[in-house]
Structure formats: structure tokens, C-alpha cells
Amino acid sequence: MLTIRLSRVGKKKQPMYRLIVSEKSKDPWGRYLENLGTYNPRVHPSATTFKVARIKYWIGKGAQTSDTVWNLFVDQKIVEGDKRRKVKISKKRKEKLALEKKAA
């Protein structure tokens, strides 16, 4: 399965990211099919340069996106939909929080 995700580049403590298309099982720092743009979170506001036509092409071909990339696309209005939660809470933790809430 193809995935659109971020690959970290840049110097130590100065991250920049490439937006790449690759196989989900492959290493994000290895070979990739196509570079779709860059993302720099260190400047305000965040600098993004995305190839919108190519992003829509790959999504149309069935490529999935990571949660972070999906949220970036929603912010840039490349795709429509709700943002995805990046933090997942386990069932055990949910039950514990529910018990604490009842006790309080």
C-alpha cells in the first residue's frame, strides 16, 4: 500500500520535512516514488510548499496519508474533512479515566 508521509531532513535540532510517496513498509529515509513538497515548522507561520496537483493524483490512485499529513492537508484546504486525532487512548486507560470521573 502506498502512503504519503513526512520524511525528516535538515540539521540537528533544525528539522525540515519532505512530503514523500512510498510503500508503507519501506523506511521513510530510503528510496521513495516521488517528492511532493516540503514542510518547515520552525518558521512562523509554517512554510509549506506542496505540489497540489500531484497530491490529488496520488490520493486518487489510492495512496493513504499519515495522520499528521492529513491534518496539514485539511489546514491547507487541499482535502476536505475532519482532522484526525494523533493520540490514541487504550481501552484500559479509558476505563480507568471513566472510573476516576465517577469517583470525583
N, C-alpha and C. Protein backbone atom coordinates (compact mmCIF):
# COMPACT_ATOMS: atom_id res chain seq x y z
N MET A 1 0.84 -1.17 0.00
CA MET A 1 0.00 0.00 0.00
C MET A 1 0.90 1.25 0.00
N LEU A 2 0.51 2.22 -0.80
CA LEU A 2 1.26 3.47 -0.86
C LEU A 2 0.80 4.41 0.23
N THR A 3 1.74 5.19 0.74
CA THR A 3 1.41 6.16 1.77
C THR A 3 2.11 7.48 1.49
N ILE A 4 1.44 8.56 1.84
CA ILE A 4 2.02 9.90 1.76
C ILE A 4 2.38 10.28 3.18
N ARG A 5 3.66 10.54 3.41
CA ARG A 5 4.11 10.84 4.76
C ARG A 5 5.29 11.79 4.75
N LEU A 6 5.69 12.20 5.95
CA LEU A 6 6.80 13.13 6.10
C LEU A 6 8.10 12.36 6.33
N SER A 7 9.17 12.87 5.75
CA SER A 7 10.50 12.33 5.96
C SER A 7 11.38 13.45 6.48
N ARG A 8 11.98 13.26 7.64
CA ARG A 8 12.75 14.33 8.28
C ARG A 8 14.08 14.53 7.58
N VAL A 9 14.40 15.78 7.29
CA VAL A 9 15.70 16.17 6.75
C VAL A 9 16.13 17.41 7.52
N GLY A 10 17.34 17.86 7.32
CA GLY A 10 17.79 19.07 7.99
C GLY A 10 18.85 18.75 9.03
N LYS A 11 19.38 19.81 9.61
CA LYS A 11 20.44 19.66 10.59
C LYS A 11 19.89 19.27 11.95
N LYS A 12 20.79 18.96 12.85
CA LYS A 12 20.44 18.60 14.21
C LYS A 12 19.70 19.77 14.88
N LYS A 13 18.56 19.46 15.48
CA LYS A 13 17.69 20.42 16.16
C LYS A 13 17.12 21.49 15.23
N GLN A 14 17.19 21.27 13.92
CA GLN A 14 16.59 22.18 12.95
C GLN A 14 15.85 21.36 11.90
N PRO A 15 14.73 20.75 12.29
CA PRO A 15 14.06 19.84 11.37
C PRO A 15 13.36 20.55 10.22
N MET A 16 13.42 19.93 9.07
CA MET A 16 12.59 20.25 7.91
C MET A 16 12.08 18.90 7.43
N TYR A 17 11.00 18.90 6.72
CA TYR A 17 10.41 17.64 6.29
C TYR A 17 10.14 17.65 4.81
N ARG A 18 10.34 16.50 4.17
CA ARG A 18 9.91 16.26 2.80
C ARG A 18 8.59 15.53 2.85
N LEU A 19 7.72 15.85 1.93
CA LEU A 19 6.46 15.13 1.78
C LEU A 19 6.69 14.12 0.67
N ILE A 20 6.66 12.83 1.00
CA ILE A 20 7.02 11.80 0.03
C ILE A 20 5.90 10.77 -0.14
N VAL A 21 5.96 10.08 -1.28
CA VAL A 21 5.09 8.94 -1.53
C VAL A 21 5.99 7.71 -1.57
N SER A 22 5.67 6.71 -0.74
CA SER A 22 6.46 5.48 -0.73
C SER A 22 5.58 4.34 -0.25
N GLU A 23 6.13 3.14 -0.33
CA GLU A 23 5.45 1.98 0.23
C GLU A 23 5.39 2.14 1.74
N LYS A 24 4.28 1.72 2.33
CA LYS A 24 4.11 1.87 3.77
C LYS A 24 5.17 1.11 4.56
N SER A 25 5.58 -0.04 4.06
CA SER A 25 6.53 -0.87 4.79
C SER A 25 7.98 -0.42 4.63
N LYS A 26 8.25 0.51 3.72
CA LYS A 26 9.63 0.95 3.49
C LYS A 26 10.06 2.02 4.47
N ASP A 27 11.35 2.13 4.64
CA ASP A 27 11.97 3.13 5.50
C ASP A 27 11.70 4.53 4.95
N PRO A 28 11.22 5.48 5.78
CA PRO A 28 10.93 6.82 5.26
C PRO A 28 12.17 7.60 4.82
N TRP A 29 13.38 7.15 5.21
CA TRP A 29 14.60 7.84 4.81
C TRP A 29 15.26 7.16 3.63
N GLY A 30 14.66 6.10 3.12
CA GLY A 30 15.21 5.39 1.98
C GLY A 30 14.67 5.93 0.67
N ARG A 31 14.55 5.05 -0.30
CA ARG A 31 14.03 5.45 -1.60
C ARG A 31 12.54 5.72 -1.53
N TYR A 32 12.08 6.65 -2.34
CA TYR A 32 10.67 6.97 -2.41
C TYR A 32 10.27 7.15 -3.86
N LEU A 33 8.98 7.08 -4.13
CA LEU A 33 8.49 7.20 -5.50
C LEU A 33 8.52 8.63 -6.01
N GLU A 34 8.07 9.57 -5.16
CA GLU A 34 8.01 10.96 -5.59
C GLU A 34 8.07 11.90 -4.40
N ASN A 35 8.74 13.04 -4.61
CA ASN A 35 8.79 14.09 -3.61
C ASN A 35 7.66 15.08 -3.94
N LEU A 36 6.73 15.27 -3.00
CA LEU A 36 5.56 16.11 -3.25
C LEU A 36 5.67 17.51 -2.65
N GLY A 37 6.77 17.82 -2.00
CA GLY A 37 6.93 19.16 -1.45
C GLY A 37 7.70 19.14 -0.15
N THR A 38 7.71 20.30 0.53
CA THR A 38 8.43 20.43 1.78
C THR A 38 7.56 21.10 2.83
N TYR A 39 7.95 20.89 4.09
CA TYR A 39 7.24 21.49 5.23
C TYR A 39 8.29 21.92 6.24
N ASN A 40 8.25 23.21 6.63
CA ASN A 40 9.19 23.73 7.62
C ASN A 40 8.40 24.28 8.80
N PRO A 41 8.35 23.56 9.92
CA PRO A 41 7.57 24.01 11.07
C PRO A 41 8.28 25.06 11.92
N ARG A 42 9.54 25.37 11.65
CA ARG A 42 10.31 26.26 12.51
C ARG A 42 10.07 27.74 12.24
N VAL A 43 9.48 28.09 11.12
CA VAL A 43 9.19 29.49 10.84
C VAL A 43 7.74 29.77 11.20
N HIS A 44 7.42 31.04 11.45
CA HIS A 44 6.05 31.38 11.82
C HIS A 44 5.48 32.32 10.79
N PRO A 45 4.41 31.99 10.09
CA PRO A 45 3.69 30.72 10.09
C PRO A 45 4.47 29.65 9.34
N SER A 46 4.12 28.40 9.57
CA SER A 46 4.83 27.27 8.98
C SER A 46 4.89 27.40 7.47
N ALA A 47 6.08 27.15 6.92
CA ALA A 47 6.28 27.25 5.48
C ALA A 47 6.00 25.90 4.83
N THR A 48 5.05 25.90 3.91
CA THR A 48 4.73 24.67 3.18
C THR A 48 4.77 24.96 1.69
N THR A 49 5.39 24.07 0.96
CA THR A 49 5.35 24.12 -0.50
C THR A 49 4.94 22.74 -0.98
N PHE A 50 3.68 22.59 -1.34
CA PHE A 50 3.15 21.31 -1.78
C PHE A 50 2.77 21.37 -3.24
N LYS A 51 2.98 20.26 -3.95
CA LYS A 51 2.52 20.12 -5.34
C LYS A 51 1.10 19.56 -5.28
N VAL A 52 0.12 20.47 -5.27
CA VAL A 52 -1.27 20.11 -5.01
C VAL A 52 -1.80 19.15 -6.08
N ALA A 53 -1.49 19.39 -7.34
CA ALA A 53 -1.99 18.52 -8.42
C ALA A 53 -1.49 17.09 -8.24
N ARG A 54 -0.22 16.94 -7.88
CA ARG A 54 0.35 15.60 -7.70
C ARG A 54 -0.20 14.92 -6.44
N ILE A 55 -0.47 15.71 -5.40
CA ILE A 55 -1.06 15.15 -4.18
C ILE A 55 -2.43 14.58 -4.49
N LYS A 56 -3.24 15.35 -5.21
CA LYS A 56 -4.58 14.88 -5.57
C LYS A 56 -4.50 13.66 -6.49
N TYR A 57 -3.50 13.62 -7.37
CA TYR A 57 -3.30 12.46 -8.25
C TYR A 57 -3.06 11.20 -7.42
N TRP A 58 -2.12 11.28 -6.47
CA TRP A 58 -1.78 10.09 -5.67
C TRP A 58 -2.93 9.67 -4.77
N ILE A 59 -3.66 10.62 -4.20
CA ILE A 59 -4.82 10.27 -3.38
C ILE A 59 -5.88 9.60 -4.25
N GLY A 60 -6.03 10.09 -5.48
CA GLY A 60 -6.96 9.48 -6.42
C GLY A 60 -6.57 8.06 -6.80
N LYS A 61 -5.27 7.78 -6.80
CA LYS A 61 -4.78 6.42 -7.09
C LYS A 61 -4.88 5.49 -5.90
N GLY A 62 -5.30 6.02 -4.73
CA GLY A 62 -5.49 5.15 -3.57
C GLY A 62 -4.43 5.25 -2.51
N ALA A 63 -3.53 6.21 -2.60
CA ALA A 63 -2.49 6.38 -1.58
C ALA A 63 -3.14 6.90 -0.30
N GLN A 64 -2.73 6.33 0.83
CA GLN A 64 -3.22 6.76 2.14
C GLN A 64 -2.28 7.84 2.68
N THR A 65 -2.77 8.62 3.63
CA THR A 65 -1.93 9.64 4.25
C THR A 65 -1.75 9.33 5.72
N SER A 66 -0.62 9.77 6.27
CA SER A 66 -0.45 9.65 7.72
C SER A 66 -1.36 10.67 8.38
N ASP A 67 -1.60 10.52 9.68
CA ASP A 67 -2.49 11.43 10.40
C ASP A 67 -1.98 12.87 10.36
N THR A 68 -0.68 13.05 10.55
CA THR A 68 -0.10 14.39 10.55
C THR A 68 -0.23 15.03 9.18
N VAL A 69 0.04 14.28 8.13
CA VAL A 69 -0.08 14.80 6.77
C VAL A 69 -1.53 15.15 6.46
N TRP A 70 -2.45 14.29 6.87
CA TRP A 70 -3.88 14.57 6.64
C TRP A 70 -4.27 15.90 7.29
N ASN A 71 -3.82 16.12 8.52
CA ASN A 71 -4.14 17.35 9.23
C ASN A 71 -3.53 18.57 8.54
N LEU A 72 -2.32 18.42 7.98
CA LEU A 72 -1.71 19.51 7.20
C LEU A 72 -2.54 19.81 5.96
N PHE A 73 -3.01 18.77 5.28
CA PHE A 73 -3.83 18.95 4.07
C PHE A 73 -5.15 19.63 4.40
N VAL A 74 -5.75 19.29 5.53
CA VAL A 74 -7.00 19.94 5.94
C VAL A 74 -6.75 21.42 6.22
N ASP A 75 -5.64 21.74 6.89
CA ASP A 75 -5.29 23.13 7.16
C ASP A 75 -5.07 23.92 5.87
N GLN A 76 -4.42 23.29 4.89
CA GLN A 76 -4.13 23.95 3.61
C GLN A 76 -5.32 23.92 2.66
N LYS A 77 -6.40 23.24 3.06
CA LYS A 77 -7.62 23.09 2.26
C LYS A 77 -7.35 22.33 0.94
N ILE A 78 -6.43 21.38 0.99
CA ILE A 78 -6.17 20.50 -0.15
C ILE A 78 -7.21 19.40 -0.19
N VAL A 79 -7.59 18.90 0.98
CA VAL A 79 -8.66 17.91 1.10
C VAL A 79 -9.70 18.45 2.07
N GLU A 80 -10.90 17.92 1.97
CA GLU A 80 -11.96 18.32 2.89
C GLU A 80 -12.23 17.17 3.85
N GLY A 81 -12.56 17.51 5.07
CA GLY A 81 -12.87 16.50 6.07
C GLY A 81 -12.45 16.99 7.44
N ASP A 82 -12.61 16.11 8.40
CA ASP A 82 -12.24 16.44 9.77
C ASP A 82 -10.79 16.07 10.02
N LYS A 83 -10.19 16.74 10.98
CA LYS A 83 -8.83 16.39 11.37
C LYS A 83 -8.86 15.06 12.12
N ARG A 84 -7.76 14.35 12.05
CA ARG A 84 -7.63 13.07 12.74
C ARG A 84 -6.88 13.26 14.04
N ARG A 85 -7.31 12.53 15.04
CA ARG A 85 -6.59 12.57 16.31
C ARG A 85 -5.29 11.80 16.18
N LYS A 86 -4.20 12.37 16.70
CA LYS A 86 -2.91 11.71 16.63
C LYS A 86 -2.63 10.87 17.87
N VAL A 87 -3.32 11.18 18.98
CA VAL A 87 -3.10 10.47 20.22
C VAL A 87 -4.20 9.43 20.39
N LYS A 88 -3.82 8.20 20.61
CA LYS A 88 -4.78 7.13 20.80
C LYS A 88 -4.75 6.71 22.26
N ILE A 89 -5.93 6.57 22.86
CA ILE A 89 -6.03 6.14 24.26
C ILE A 89 -6.50 4.69 24.27
N SER A 90 -5.79 3.85 25.01
CA SER A 90 -6.13 2.43 25.07
C SER A 90 -7.43 2.23 25.84
N LYS A 91 -8.05 1.06 25.65
CA LYS A 91 -9.30 0.73 26.34
C LYS A 91 -9.10 0.73 27.85
N LYS A 92 -7.97 0.19 28.28
CA LYS A 92 -7.68 0.11 29.70
C LYS A 92 -7.59 1.51 30.31
N ARG A 93 -6.94 2.42 29.61
CA ARG A 93 -6.80 3.80 30.09
C ARG A 93 -8.16 4.51 30.10
N LYS A 94 -8.99 4.27 29.08
CA LYS A 94 -10.33 4.87 29.02
C LYS A 94 -11.17 4.43 30.22
N GLU A 95 -11.11 3.12 30.55
CA GLU A 95 -11.86 2.61 31.69
C GLU A 95 -11.38 3.25 32.99
N LYS A 96 -10.07 3.40 33.14
CA LYS A 96 -9.52 4.00 34.34
C LYS A 96 -9.96 5.46 34.46
N LEU A 97 -9.95 6.21 33.36
CA LEU A 97 -10.40 7.60 33.38
C LEU A 97 -11.88 7.71 33.72
N ALA A 98 -12.68 6.77 33.20
CA ALA A 98 -14.12 6.77 33.49
C ALA A 98 -14.36 6.52 34.97
N LEU A 99 -13.63 5.58 35.57
CA LEU A 99 -13.76 5.30 37.00
C LEU A 99 -13.37 6.51 37.85
N GLU A 100 -12.28 7.17 37.46
CA GLU A 100 -11.85 8.37 38.18
C GLU A 100 -12.87 9.49 38.08
N LYS A 101 -13.50 9.61 36.93
CA LYS A 101 -14.51 10.64 36.72
C LYS A 101 -15.75 10.37 37.57
N LYS A 102 -16.16 9.09 37.68
CA LYS A 102 -17.29 8.72 38.51
C LYS A 102 -17.01 8.99 39.98
N ALA A 103 -15.79 8.68 40.41
CA ALA A 103 -15.42 8.87 41.81
C ALA A 103 -15.39 10.36 42.18
N ALA A 104 -15.06 11.19 41.25
CA ALA A 104 -14.98 12.64 41.52
C ALA A 104 -16.33 13.27 41.44
